[in-house]
PDB file of N, CA and C in Angstrom:
ATOM      1  N   MET A   1      91.242  52.237 106.383  1.00  0.00           N
ATOM      2  CA  MET A   1      91.228  53.114 105.783  1.00  0.00           C
ATOM      3  C   MET A   1      92.570  53.665 105.649  1.00  0.00           C
ATOM      4  N   LYS A   2      92.650  53.799 104.577  1.00  0.00           N
ATOM      5  CA  LYS A   2      94.401  54.530 104.056  1.00  0.00           C
ATOM      6  C   LYS A   2      94.389  55.813 104.210  1.00  0.00           C
ATOM      7  N   LEU A   3      95.459  56.246 104.551  1.00  0.00           N
ATOM      8  CA  LEU A   3      95.805  57.683 104.533  1.00  0.00           C
ATOM      9  C   LEU A   3      95.478  58.548 103.700  1.00  0.00           C
ATOM     10  N   LYS A   4      95.505  58.299 102.416  1.00  0.00           N
ATOM     11  CA  LYS A   4      94.813  59.195 101.147  1.00  0.00           C
ATOM     12  C   LYS A   4      93.615  59.225 101.293  1.00  0.00           C
ATOM     13  N   THR A   5      93.150  58.573 101.707  1.00  0.00           N
ATOM     14  CA  THR A   5      91.309  58.595 101.730  1.00  0.00           C
ATOM     15  C   THR A   5      91.205  59.401 103.023  1.00  0.00           C
ATOM     16  N   VAL A   6      91.756  59.433 103.896  1.00  0.00           N
ATOM     17  CA  VAL A   6      91.429  60.008 105.082  1.00  0.00           C
ATOM     18  C   VAL A   6      91.765  61.419 104.900  1.00  0.00           C
ATOM     19  N   PHE A   7      92.410  61.937 103.869  1.00  0.00           N
ATOM     20  CA  PHE A   7      93.146  63.346 103.708  1.00  0.00           C
ATOM     21  C   PHE A   7      91.861  63.872 102.551  1.00  0.00           C
ATOM     22  N   LEU A   8      91.582  62.849 101.759  1.00  0.00           N
ATOM     23  CA  LEU A   8      90.645  63.060 100.854  1.00  0.00           C
ATOM     24  C   LEU A   8      89.132  63.510 101.230  1.00  0.00           C
ATOM     25  N   LEU A   9      88.610  62.969 102.215  1.00  0.00           N
ATOM     26  CA  LEU A   9      87.327  62.850 102.981  1.00  0.00           C
ATOM     27  C   LEU A   9      87.671  64.253 103.957  1.00  0.00           C
ATOM     28  N   HIS A  10      88.584  64.718 104.538  1.00  0.00           N
ATOM     29  CA  HIS A  10      88.679  65.617 105.705  1.00  0.00           C
ATOM     30  C   HIS A  10      89.034  67.061 104.766  1.00  0.00           C
ATOM     31  N   LYS A  11      88.221  67.769 104.646  1.00  0.00           N
ATOM     32  CA  LYS A  11      88.172  69.449 103.962  1.00  0.00           C
ATOM     33  C   LYS A  11      88.065  70.121 104.943  1.00  0.00           C
ATOM     34  N   PRO A  12      89.080  70.804 105.589  1.00  0.00           N
ATOM     35  CA  PRO A  12      88.912  72.105 106.613  1.00  0.00           C
ATOM     36  C   PRO A  12      88.607  73.143 105.820  1.00  0.00           C
ATOM     37  N   GLN A  13      87.659  74.070 106.318  1.00  0.00           N
ATOM     38  CA  GLN A  13      87.375  75.169 105.859  1.00  0.00           C
ATOM     39  C   GLN A  13      88.496  76.003 105.386  1.00  0.00           C
ATOM     40  N   HIS A  14      89.275  76.204 106.288  1.00  0.00           N
ATOM     41  CA  HIS A  14      90.391  77.415 106.449  1.00  0.00           C
ATOM     42  C   HIS A  14      91.658  76.470 106.101  1.00  0.00           C
ATOM     43  N   MET A  15      92.370  76.294 104.966  1.00  0.00           N
ATOM     44  CA  MET A  15      93.522  75.812 104.983  1.00  0.00           C
ATOM     45  C   MET A  15      94.679  76.972 104.967  1.00  0.00           C
ATOM     46  N   MET A  16      94.508  78.158 105.037  1.00  0.00           N
ATOM     47  CA  MET A  16      95.826  79.023 105.313  1.00  0.00           C
ATOM     48  C   MET A  16      95.626  79.758 106.304  1.00  0.00           C
ATOM     49  N   MET A  17      96.459  80.366 107.309  1.00  0.00           N
ATOM     50  CA  MET A  17      96.416  81.159 107.992  1.00  0.00           C
ATOM     51  C   MET A  17      96.143  82.617 107.685  1.00  0.00           C
ATOM     52  N   ASP A  18      95.401  83.448 108.118  1.00  0.00           N
ATOM     53  CA  ASP A  18      95.275  84.870 107.873  1.00  0.00           C
ATOM     54  C   ASP A  18      96.608  85.469 107.849  1.00  0.00           C
ATOM     55  N   TRP A  19      96.832  86.634 107.232  1.00  0.00           N
ATOM     56  CA  TRP A  19      97.598  87.616 107.688  1.00  0.00           C
ATOM     57  C   TRP A  19      98.032  88.138 108.829  1.00  0.00           C
ATOM     58  N   GLN A  20      97.190  88.595 110.011  1.00  0.00           N
ATOM     59  CA  GLN A  20      97.436  88.684 111.317  1.00  0.00           C
ATOM     60  C   GLN A  20      97.611  87.535 111.909  1.00  0.00           C
ATOM     61  N   GLY A  21      97.292  86.441 111.813  1.00  0.00           N
ATOM     62  CA  GLY A  21      97.314  84.939 112.250  1.00  0.00           C
ATOM     63  C   GLY A  21      99.300  84.706 111.903  1.00  0.00           C
ATOM     64  N   GLN A  22      99.530  85.282 110.973  1.00  0.00           N
ATOM     65  CA  GLN A  22     101.035  84.766 110.376  1.00  0.00           C
ATOM     66  C   GLN A  22     101.785  85.895 110.903  1.00  0.00           C
ATOM     67  N   LYS A  23     101.303  87.387 111.357  1.00  0.00           N
ATOM     68  CA  LYS A  23     102.023  88.211 112.016  1.00  0.00           C
ATOM     69  C   LYS A  23     102.253  87.944 113.183  1.00  0.00           C
ATOM     70  N   LEU A  24     101.060  87.035 114.317  1.00  0.00           N
ATOM     71  CA  LEU A  24     101.169  86.616 115.410  1.00  0.00           C
ATOM     72  C   LEU A  24     102.048  85.344 115.455  1.00  0.00           C
ATOM     73  N   ALA A  25     101.928  84.576 114.725  1.00  0.00           N
ATOM     74  CA  ALA A  25     102.638  83.307 114.803  1.00  0.00           C
ATOM     75  C   ALA A  25     104.391  84.064 114.629  1.00  0.00           C
ATOM     76  N   GLU A  26     104.755  85.097 113.625  1.00  0.00           N
ATOM     77  CA  GLU A  26     106.010  85.163 113.647  1.00  0.00           C
ATOM     78  C   GLU A  26     106.498  86.016 115.228  1.00  0.00           C
ATOM     79  N   GLN A  27     105.573  86.940 115.519  1.00  0.00           N
ATOM     80  CA  GLN A  27     105.947  87.324 116.702  1.00  0.00           C
ATOM     81  C   GLN A  27     106.088  86.232 118.233  1.00  0.00           C
ATOM     82  N   LEU A  28     105.162  85.313 117.943  1.00  0.00           N
ATOM     83  CA  LEU A  28     105.365  84.386 119.203  1.00  0.00           C
ATOM     84  C   LEU A  28     106.494  83.579 119.184  1.00  0.00           C
ATOM     85  N   MET A  29     107.087  83.362 117.973  1.00  0.00           N
ATOM     86  CA  MET A  29     108.180  82.366 117.386  1.00  0.00           C
ATOM     87  C   MET A  29     109.106  83.327 118.143  1.00  0.00           C
ATOM     88  N   GLN A  30     109.429  84.342 117.602  1.00  0.00           N
ATOM     89  CA  GLN A  30     110.675  85.376 118.062  1.00  0.00           C
ATOM     90  C   GLN A  30     110.519  85.588 119.543  1.00  0.00           C
ATOM     91  N   ILE A  31     109.431  85.920 120.279  1.00  0.00           N
ATOM     92  CA  ILE A  31     109.550  85.656 121.575  1.00  0.00           C
ATOM     93  C   ILE A  31     109.919  84.600 122.398  1.00  0.00           C
ATOM     94  N   MET A  32     109.019  83.503 121.993  1.00  0.00           N
ATOM     95  CA  MET A  32     109.399  82.476 122.474  1.00  0.00           C
ATOM     96  C   MET A  32     111.148  81.518 122.203  1.00  0.00           C
ATOM     97  N   LEU A  33     111.425  82.023 120.987  1.00  0.00           N
ATOM     98  CA  LEU A  33     113.034  81.589 120.685  1.00  0.00           C
ATOM     99  C   LEU A  33     114.156  82.313 121.929  1.00  0.00           C
ATOM    100  N   PHE A  34     113.803  83.499 121.834  1.00  0.00           N
ATOM    101  CA  PHE A  34     114.732  84.740 122.778  1.00  0.00           C
ATOM    102  C   PHE A  34     114.488  84.276 123.921  1.00  0.00           C
ATOM    103  N   SER A  35     113.532  84.381 124.761  1.00  0.00           N
ATOM    104  CA  SER A  35     113.224  83.675 125.933  1.00  0.00           C
ATOM    105  C   SER A  35     113.779  82.565 126.484  1.00  0.00           C
ATOM    106  N   PHE A  36     113.471  81.503 125.464  1.00  0.00           N
ATOM    107  CA  PHE A  36     114.358  80.135 126.062  1.00  0.00           C
ATOM    108  C   PHE A  36     115.893  80.353 125.711  1.00  0.00           C
ATOM    109  N   ALA A  37     116.264  81.240 124.666  1.00  0.00           N
ATOM    110  CA  ALA A  37     117.579  81.158 124.959  1.00  0.00           C
ATOM    111  C   ALA A  37     118.017  81.973 125.952  1.00  0.00           C
ATOM    112  N   ALA A  38     117.444  83.063 126.397  1.00  0.00           N
ATOM    113  CA  ALA A  38     118.076  83.570 127.660  1.00  0.00           C
ATOM    114  C   ALA A  38     117.951  83.048 128.957  1.00  0.00           C
ATOM    115  N   VAL A  39     116.855  82.028 129.169  1.00  0.00           N
ATOM    116  CA  VAL A  39     116.529  81.220 130.028  1.00  0.00           C
ATOM    117  C   VAL A  39     117.783  80.428 130.172  1.00  0.00           C
ATOM    118  N   GLY A  40     117.885  79.653 129.251  1.00  0.00           N
ATOM    119  CA  GLY A  40     118.854  78.340 128.997  1.00  0.00           C
ATOM    120  C   GLY A  40     120.582  78.909 129.220  1.00  0.00           C
ATOM    121  N   PHE A  41     120.533  80.111 128.589  1.00  0.00           N
ATOM    122  CA  PHE A  41     122.176  80.219 128.812  1.00  0.00           C
ATOM    123  C   PHE A  41     122.184  80.689 130.320  1.00  0.00           C
ATOM    124  N   LEU A  42     121.355  81.633 130.827  1.00  0.00           N
ATOM    125  CA  LEU A  42     121.592  81.754 132.664  1.00  0.00           C
ATOM    126  C   LEU A  42     121.183  80.335 133.368  1.00  0.00           C
ATOM    127  N   THR A  43     120.415  79.737 133.047  1.00  0.00           N
ATOM    128  CA  THR A  43     120.658  78.342 133.871  1.00  0.00           C
ATOM    129  C   THR A  43     121.667  77.647 133.435  1.00  0.00           C
ATOM    130  N   GLY A  44     122.404  77.361 132.632  1.00  0.00           N
ATOM    131  CA  GLY A  44     123.613  76.986 131.966  1.00  0.00           C
ATOM    132  C   GLY A  44     124.998  77.677 132.424  1.00  0.00           C
ATOM    133  N   TYR A  45     124.849  78.984 132.716  1.00  0.00           N
ATOM    134  CA  TYR A  45     125.849  79.575 133.275  1.00  0.00           C
ATOM    135  C   TYR A  45     125.759  79.409 134.727  1.00  0.00           C
ATOM    136  N   VAL A  46     124.709  79.676 135.553  1.00  0.00           N
ATOM    137  CA  VAL A  46     124.813  79.606 136.743  1.00  0.00           C
ATOM    138  C   VAL A  46     125.118  77.972 137.381  1.00  0.00           C
ATOM    139  N   LEU A  47     124.425  77.008 136.723  1.00  0.00           N
ATOM    140  CA  LEU A  47     124.912  75.693 137.178  1.00  0.00           C
ATOM    141  C   LEU A  47     125.971  75.274 136.598  1.00  0.00           C
ATOM    142  N   GLY A  48     126.613  75.798 135.500  1.00  0.00           N
ATOM    143  CA  GLY A  48     127.887  75.269 134.928  1.00  0.00           C
ATOM    144  C   GLY A  48     127.903  74.573 133.988  1.00  0.00           C
ATOM    145  N   SER A  49     126.667  74.160 133.254  1.00  0.00           N
ATOM    146  CA  SER A  49     126.526  73.088 132.539  1.00  0.00           C
ATOM    147  C   SER A  49     126.012  73.569 131.293  1.00  0.00           C
ATOM    148  N   PHE A  50     126.622  73.036 130.317  1.00  0.00           N
ATOM    149  CA  PHE A  50     126.380  73.380 128.602  1.00  0.00           C
ATOM    150  C   PHE A  50     125.433  72.337 128.447  1.00  0.00           C
ATOM    151  N   GLN A  51     125.182  71.128 128.865  1.00  0.00           N
ATOM    152  CA  GLN A  51     124.245  70.469 128.377  1.00  0.00           C
ATOM    153  C   GLN A  51     122.865  70.733 128.986  1.00  0.00           C
ATOM    154  N   MET A  52     122.723  71.161 129.956  1.00  0.00           N
ATOM    155  CA  MET A  52     121.528  72.021 130.531  1.00  0.00           C
ATOM    156  C   MET A  52     121.037  73.178 129.800  1.00  0.00           C
ATOM    157  N   MET A  53     121.752  73.836 129.243  1.00  0.00           N
ATOM    158  CA  MET A  53     121.904  75.263 128.314  1.00  0.00           C
ATOM    159  C   MET A  53     121.169  74.415 127.177  1.00  0.00           C
ATOM    160  N   ILE A  54     121.786  73.766 126.804  1.00  0.00           N
ATOM    161  CA  ILE A  54     121.359  73.038 125.135  1.00  0.00           C
ATOM    162  C   ILE A  54     119.994  72.185 125.169  1.00  0.00           C
ATOM    163  N   LEU A  55     119.600  71.564 126.682  1.00  0.00           N
ATOM    164  CA  LEU A  55     118.355  70.819 126.763  1.00  0.00           C
ATOM    165  C   LEU A  55     117.208  71.922 126.639  1.00  0.00           C
ATOM    166  N   ILE A  56     117.274  72.969 127.489  1.00  0.00           N
ATOM    167  CA  ILE A  56     116.472  73.693 127.894  1.00  0.00           C
ATOM    168  C   ILE A  56     115.954  74.696 126.646  1.00  0.00           C
ATOM    169  N   TYR A  57     116.963  75.263 125.675  1.00  0.00           N
ATOM    170  CA  TYR A  57     117.100  75.688 124.391  1.00  0.00           C
ATOM    171  C   TYR A  57     116.488  74.988 123.610  1.00  0.00           C
ATOM    172  N   ALA A  58     117.113  73.306 123.284  1.00  0.00           N
ATOM    173  CA  ALA A  58     116.073  72.502 122.491  1.00  0.00           C
ATOM    174  C   ALA A  58     114.715  71.963 122.978  1.00  0.00           C
ATOM    175  N   GLY A  59     114.320  72.154 123.779  1.00  0.00           N
ATOM    176  CA  GLY A  59     112.988  71.949 124.486  1.00  0.00           C
ATOM    177  C   GLY A  59     112.163  73.215 124.049  1.00  0.00           C
ATOM    178  N   GLY A  60     112.826  74.365 124.149  1.00  0.00           N
ATOM    179  CA  GLY A  60     112.143  75.606 123.963  1.00  0.00           C
ATOM    180  C   GLY A  60     112.118  75.769 122.131  1.00  0.00           C
ATOM    181  N   VAL A  61     112.907  75.319 121.446  1.00  0.00           N
ATOM    182  CA  VAL A  61     112.519  75.069 120.303  1.00  0.00           C
ATOM    183  C   VAL A  61     111.539  74.039 119.739  1.00  0.00           C
ATOM    184  N   VAL A  62     111.389  72.792 120.693  1.00  0.00           N
ATOM    185  CA  VAL A  62     110.336  72.066 120.080  1.00  0.00           C
ATOM    186  C   VAL A  62     109.089  72.862 120.456  1.00  0.00           C
ATOM    187  N   LEU A  63     109.030  73.151 121.868  1.00  0.00           N
ATOM    188  CA  LEU A  63     107.598  74.004 121.976  1.00  0.00           C
ATOM    189  C   LEU A  63     107.225  75.059 121.248  1.00  0.00           C
ATOM    190  N   THR A  64     108.381  75.949 120.999  1.00  0.00           N
ATOM    191  CA  THR A  64     107.892  76.856 119.758  1.00  0.00           C
ATOM    192  C   THR A  64     107.390  76.229 118.538  1.00  0.00           C
ATOM    193  N   THR A  65     107.743  75.425 118.161  1.00  0.00           N
ATOM    194  CA  THR A  65     107.254  74.628 116.818  1.00  0.00           C
ATOM    195  C   THR A  65     105.849  74.096 116.959  1.00  0.00           C
ATOM    196  N   LEU A  66     105.637  73.616 118.198  1.00  0.00           N
ATOM    197  CA  LEU A  66     104.222  73.147 118.233  1.00  0.00           C
ATOM    198  C   LEU A  66     103.208  74.288 118.416  1.00  0.00           C
ATOM    199  N   VAL A  67     103.653  75.452 119.028  1.00  0.00           N
ATOM    200  CA  VAL A  67     102.846  76.514 119.012  1.00  0.00           C
ATOM    201  C   VAL A  67     102.775  76.958 117.726  1.00  0.00           C
ATOM    202  N   THR A  68     103.827  77.429 116.890  1.00  0.00           N
ATOM    203  CA  THR A  68     103.487  78.534 115.915  1.00  0.00           C
ATOM    204  C   THR A  68     103.208  77.761 114.626  1.00  0.00           C
ATOM    205  N   VAL A  69     103.969  76.135 114.211  1.00  0.00           N
ATOM    206  CA  VAL A  69     103.645  75.666 112.954  1.00  0.00           C
ATOM    207  C   VAL A  69     102.203  75.329 112.509  1.00  0.00           C
ATOM    208  N   PRO A  70     101.621  74.447 113.401  1.00  0.00           N
ATOM    209  CA  PRO A  70     100.266  74.106 112.964  1.00  0.00           C
ATOM    210  C   PRO A  70      99.025  75.327 113.173  1.00  0.00           C
ATOM    211  N   ASN A  71      98.298  75.148 111.858  1.00  0.00           N
ATOM    212  CA  ASN A  71      97.231  76.224 111.864  1.00  0.00           C
ATOM    213  C   ASN A  71      96.326  76.472 112.686  1.00  0.00           C
ATOM    214  N   TRP A  72      96.529  76.579 114.357  1.00  0.00           N
ATOM    215  CA  TRP A  72      95.414  76.733 114.970  1.00  0.00           C
ATOM    216  C   TRP A  72      94.637  77.650 115.190  1.00  0.00           C
ATOM    217  N   PRO A  73      93.022  77.791 115.761  1.00  0.00           N
ATOM    218  CA  PRO A  73      92.082  78.140 115.300  1.00  0.00           C
ATOM    219  C   PRO A  73      92.425  79.507 115.597  1.00  0.00           C
ATOM    220  N   PHE A  74      93.309  79.951 116.733  1.00  0.00           N
ATOM    221  CA  PHE A  74      93.620  81.374 117.023  1.00  0.00           C
ATOM    222  C   PHE A  74      94.565  82.192 115.866  1.00  0.00           C
ATOM    223  N   PHE A  75      95.003  81.482 114.811  1.00  0.00           N
ATOM    224  CA  PHE A  75      95.395  82.229 114.174  1.00  0.00           C
ATOM    225  C   PHE A  75      94.745  82.387 112.894  1.00  0.00           C
ATOM    226  N   ASN A  76      93.661  82.085 112.787  1.00  0.00           N
ATOM    227  CA  ASN A  76      92.438  82.579 111.843  1.00  0.00           C
ATOM    228  C   ASN A  76      91.246  83.405 112.246  1.00  0.00           C
ATOM    229  N   ARG A  77      91.458  84.102 113.074  1.00  0.00           N
ATOM    230  CA  ARG A  77      90.226  84.990 113.709  1.00  0.00           C
ATOM    231  C   ARG A  77      90.250  86.116 112.816  1.00  0.00           C
ATOM    232  N   HIS A  78      90.644  86.492 111.667  1.00  0.00           N
ATOM    233  CA  HIS A  78      90.572  87.596 110.758  1.00  0.00           C
ATOM    234  C   HIS A  78      90.570  86.818 109.577  1.00  0.00           C
ATOM    235  N   PRO A  79      89.573  86.068 108.872  1.00  0.00           N
ATOM    236  CA  PRO A  79      89.489  85.659 107.363  1.00  0.00           C
ATOM    237  C   PRO A  79      89.624  86.566 106.402  1.00  0.00           C
ATOM    238  N   LEU A  80      90.196  86.289 105.265  1.00  0.00           N
ATOM    239  CA  LEU A  80      90.306  87.130 104.298  1.00  0.00           C
ATOM    240  C   LEU A  80      88.623  87.284 103.555  1.00  0.00           C
ATOM    241  N   LYS A  81      88.379  88.229 103.396  1.00  0.00           N
ATOM    242  CA  LYS A  81      86.977  88.418 102.325  1.00  0.00           C
ATOM    243  C   LYS A  81      87.059  88.702 101.194  1.00  0.00           C
ATOM    244  N   TRP A  82      86.748  87.589 100.411  1.00  0.00           N
ATOM    245  CA  TRP A  82      87.012  87.761  98.689  1.00  0.00           C
ATOM    246  C   TRP A  82      85.770  88.215  97.935  1.00  0.00           C
ATOM    247  N   LEU A  83      85.664  88.996  97.152  1.00  0.00           N
ATOM    248  CA  LEU A  83      84.563  89.144  96.431  1.00  0.00           C
ATOM    249  C   LEU A  83      84.126  88.179  95.406  1.00  0.00           C
ATOM    250  N   ASP A  84      82.707  88.047  95.309  1.00  0.00           N
ATOM    251  CA  ASP A  84      82.432  87.077  94.867  1.00  0.00           C
ATOM    252  C   ASP A  84      82.476  87.534  93.011  1.00  0.00           C
ATOM    253  N   PRO A  85      82.486  86.416  92.157  1.00  0.00           N
ATOM    254  CA  PRO A  85      83.220  86.669  90.927  1.00  0.00           C
ATOM    255  C   PRO A  85      82.366  87.633  89.904  1.00  0.00           C
ATOM    256  N   SER A  86      80.929  87.643  90.283  1.00  0.00           N
ATOM    257  CA  SER A  86      79.962  88.240  90.060  1.00  0.00           C
ATOM    258  C   SER A  86      80.138  90.076  90.276  1.00  0.00           C
ATOM    259  N   GLU A  87      80.716  90.230  91.561  1.00  0.00           N
ATOM    260  CA  GLU A  87      81.077  91.359  92.094  1.00  0.00           C
ATOM    261  C   GLU A  87      82.338  92.320  91.775  1.00  0.00           C
ATOM    262  N   ALA A  88      83.273  91.015  91.431  1.00  0.00           N
ATOM    263  CA  ALA A  88      84.648  91.108  91.045  1.00  0.00           C
ATOM    264  C   ALA A  88      84.107  91.758  89.454  1.00  0.00           C
ATOM    265  N   GLU A  89      83.301  91.567  88.533  1.00  0.00           N
ATOM    266  CA  GLU A  89      83.704  91.867  87.262  1.00  0.00           C
ATOM    267  C   GLU A  89      82.890  93.272  87.204  1.00  0.00           C
ATOM    268  N   LYS A  90      82.240  93.844  88.039  1.00  0.00           N
ATOM    269  CA  LYS A  90      81.871  95.166  88.081  1.00  0.00           C
ATOM    270  C   LYS A  90      82.578  96.534  88.327  1.00  0.00           C
ATOM    271  N   HIS A  91      83.953  96.059  89.024  1.00  0.00           N
ATOM    272  CA  HIS A  91      84.698  96.775  89.481  1.00  0.00           C
ATOM    273  C   HIS A  91      85.876  96.766  88.077  1.00  0.00           C
ATOM    274  N   PRO A  92      86.279  97.925  87.730  1.00  0.00           N
ATOM    275  CA  PRO A  92      87.292  98.080  86.745  1.00  0.00           C
ATOM    276  C   PRO A  92      88.647  97.566  87.170  1.00  0.00           C
ATOM    277  N   LYS A  93      89.378  96.842  86.346  1.00  0.00           N
ATOM    278  CA  LYS A  93      90.354  96.324  86.618  1.00  0.00           C
ATOM    279  C   LYS A  93      91.720  97.308  86.264  1.00  0.00           C
ATOM    280  N   PRO A  94      92.749  97.050  86.997  1.00  0.00           N
ATOM    281  CA  PRO A  94      93.759  98.396  86.772  1.00  0.00           C
ATOM    282  C   PRO A  94      94.550  98.121  85.473  1.00  0.00           C
ATOM    283  N   GLN A  95      95.006  99.267  84.659  1.00  0.00           N
ATOM    284  CA  GLN A  95      95.316  99.158  83.618  1.00  0.00           C
ATOM    285  C   GLN A  95      96.863  99.219  83.583  1.00  0.00           C
ATOM    286  N   ARG A  96      97.171  98.634  82.688  1.00  0.00           N
ATOM    287  CA  ARG A  96      98.973  98.476  82.426  1.00  0.00           C
ATOM    288  C   ARG A  96      99.712  99.825  82.187  1.00  0.00           C
ATOM    289  N   GLN A  97     100.347 100.209  82.677  1.00  0.00           N
ATOM    290  CA  GLN A  97     101.239 101.705  82.360  1.00  0.00           C
ATOM    291  C   GLN A  97     102.427 101.057  81.686  1.00  0.00           C
ATOM    292  N   GLN A  98     102.978 102.156  80.492  1.00  0.00           N
ATOM    293  CA  GLN A  98     103.960 101.927  79.980  1.00  0.00           C
ATOM    294  C   GLN A  98     105.118 102.223  81.217  1.00  0.00           C
ATOM    295  N   ALA A  99     106.299 101.236  81.010  1.00  0.00           N
ATOM    296  CA  ALA A  99     107.273 101.642  81.861  1.00  0.00           C
ATOM    297  C   ALA A  99     108.265 102.727  81.244  1.00  0.00           C
ATOM    298  N   ALA A 100     108.860 103.652  81.986  1.00  0.00           N
ATOM    299  CA  ALA A 100     109.733 104.373  81.566  1.00  0.00           C
ATOM    300  C   ALA A 100     110.638 104.316  81.045  1.00  0.00           C
ATOM    301  N   SER A 101     111.477 102.904  81.359  1.00  0.00           N
ATOM    302  CA  SER A 101     112.391 102.335  80.889  1.00  0.00           C
ATOM    303  C   SER A 101     112.759 102.115  79.299  1.00  0.00           C
ATOM    304  N   SER A 102     111.284 102.244  78.597  1.00  0.00           N
ATOM    305  CA  SER A 102     110.871 101.724  77.415  1.00  0.00           C
ATOM    306  C   SER A 102     111.229 102.925  76.354  1.00  0.00           C
ATOM    307  N   LYS A 103     111.363 104.235  77.091  1.00  0.00           N
ATOM    308  CA  LYS A 103     111.158 105.595  76.636  1.00  0.00           C
ATOM    309  C   LYS A 103     112.685 106.197  76.944  1.00  0.00           C
ATOM    310  N   LYS A 104     114.010 105.240  76.649  1.00  0.00           N
ATOM    311  CA  LYS A 104     115.311 105.830  77.210  1.00  0.00           C
ATOM    312  C   LYS A 104     115.645 106.813  76.288  1.00  0.00           C
ATOM    313  N   LYS A 105     116.093 107.772  76.603  1.00  0.00           N
ATOM    314  CA  LYS A 105     116.871 108.795  75.649  1.00  0.00           C
ATOM    315  C   LYS A 105     118.314 108.585  75.660  1.00  0.00           C
ATOM    316  N   SER A 106     118.919 108.603  74.418  1.00  0.00           N
ATOM    317  CA  SER A 106     120.155 108.468  74.256  1.00  0.00           C
ATOM    318  C   SER A 106     120.811 109.389  74.906  1.00  0.00           C
ATOM    319  N   SER A 107     122.307 109.525  75.545  1.00  0.00           N
ATOM    320  CA  SER A 107     122.945 110.630  76.214  1.00  0.00           C
ATOM    321  C   SER A 107     123.941 110.580  75.227  1.00  0.00           C
ATOM    322  N   LYS A 108     124.723 111.754  75.324  1.00  0.00           N
ATOM    323  CA  LYS A 108     125.887 111.871  74.279  1.00  0.00           C
ATOM    324  C   LYS A 108     126.894 112.124  75.388  1.00  0.00           C
ATOM    325  N   LYS A 109     128.018 111.754  74.883  1.00  0.00           N
ATOM    326  CA  LYS A 109     129.442 111.858  75.907  1.00  0.00           C
ATOM    327  C   LYS A 109     130.359 112.917  75.336  1.00  0.00           C
TER     328      LYS A 109
END
C-alpha cells in the first residue's frame, strides 16, 4: 500500500493540539531542556568531560522532542467546542468600528 493511500485512509479525530495542550507542551519543553542542560553541565564539570556534557544535553533534546512534538492524547484533554452553523447564525456578529486615525485633525505649527 502506498504511503499516500495510508494518509488518505487515516483520518484522526483531532488533528491539532488544544490550547491547554499547547501550553503544557511549552512548559514541558522548557522544564526538560533546562533540566538536561543543568544535569549535563554539572556532570561534564564533575567529570571534566565536554563530550559527556554535550551527549547528555543532546539526549535531552531528542527526548524532549519525542515528548513534546507529537500530538499525544494527553495534549487533547480540553477540545474546543465550536458552535453549529445554525446556532452561530442566531448570534449577532460584531460590527466594524471606524478607526480614529481616519478622523485626524490637522495641527498648526
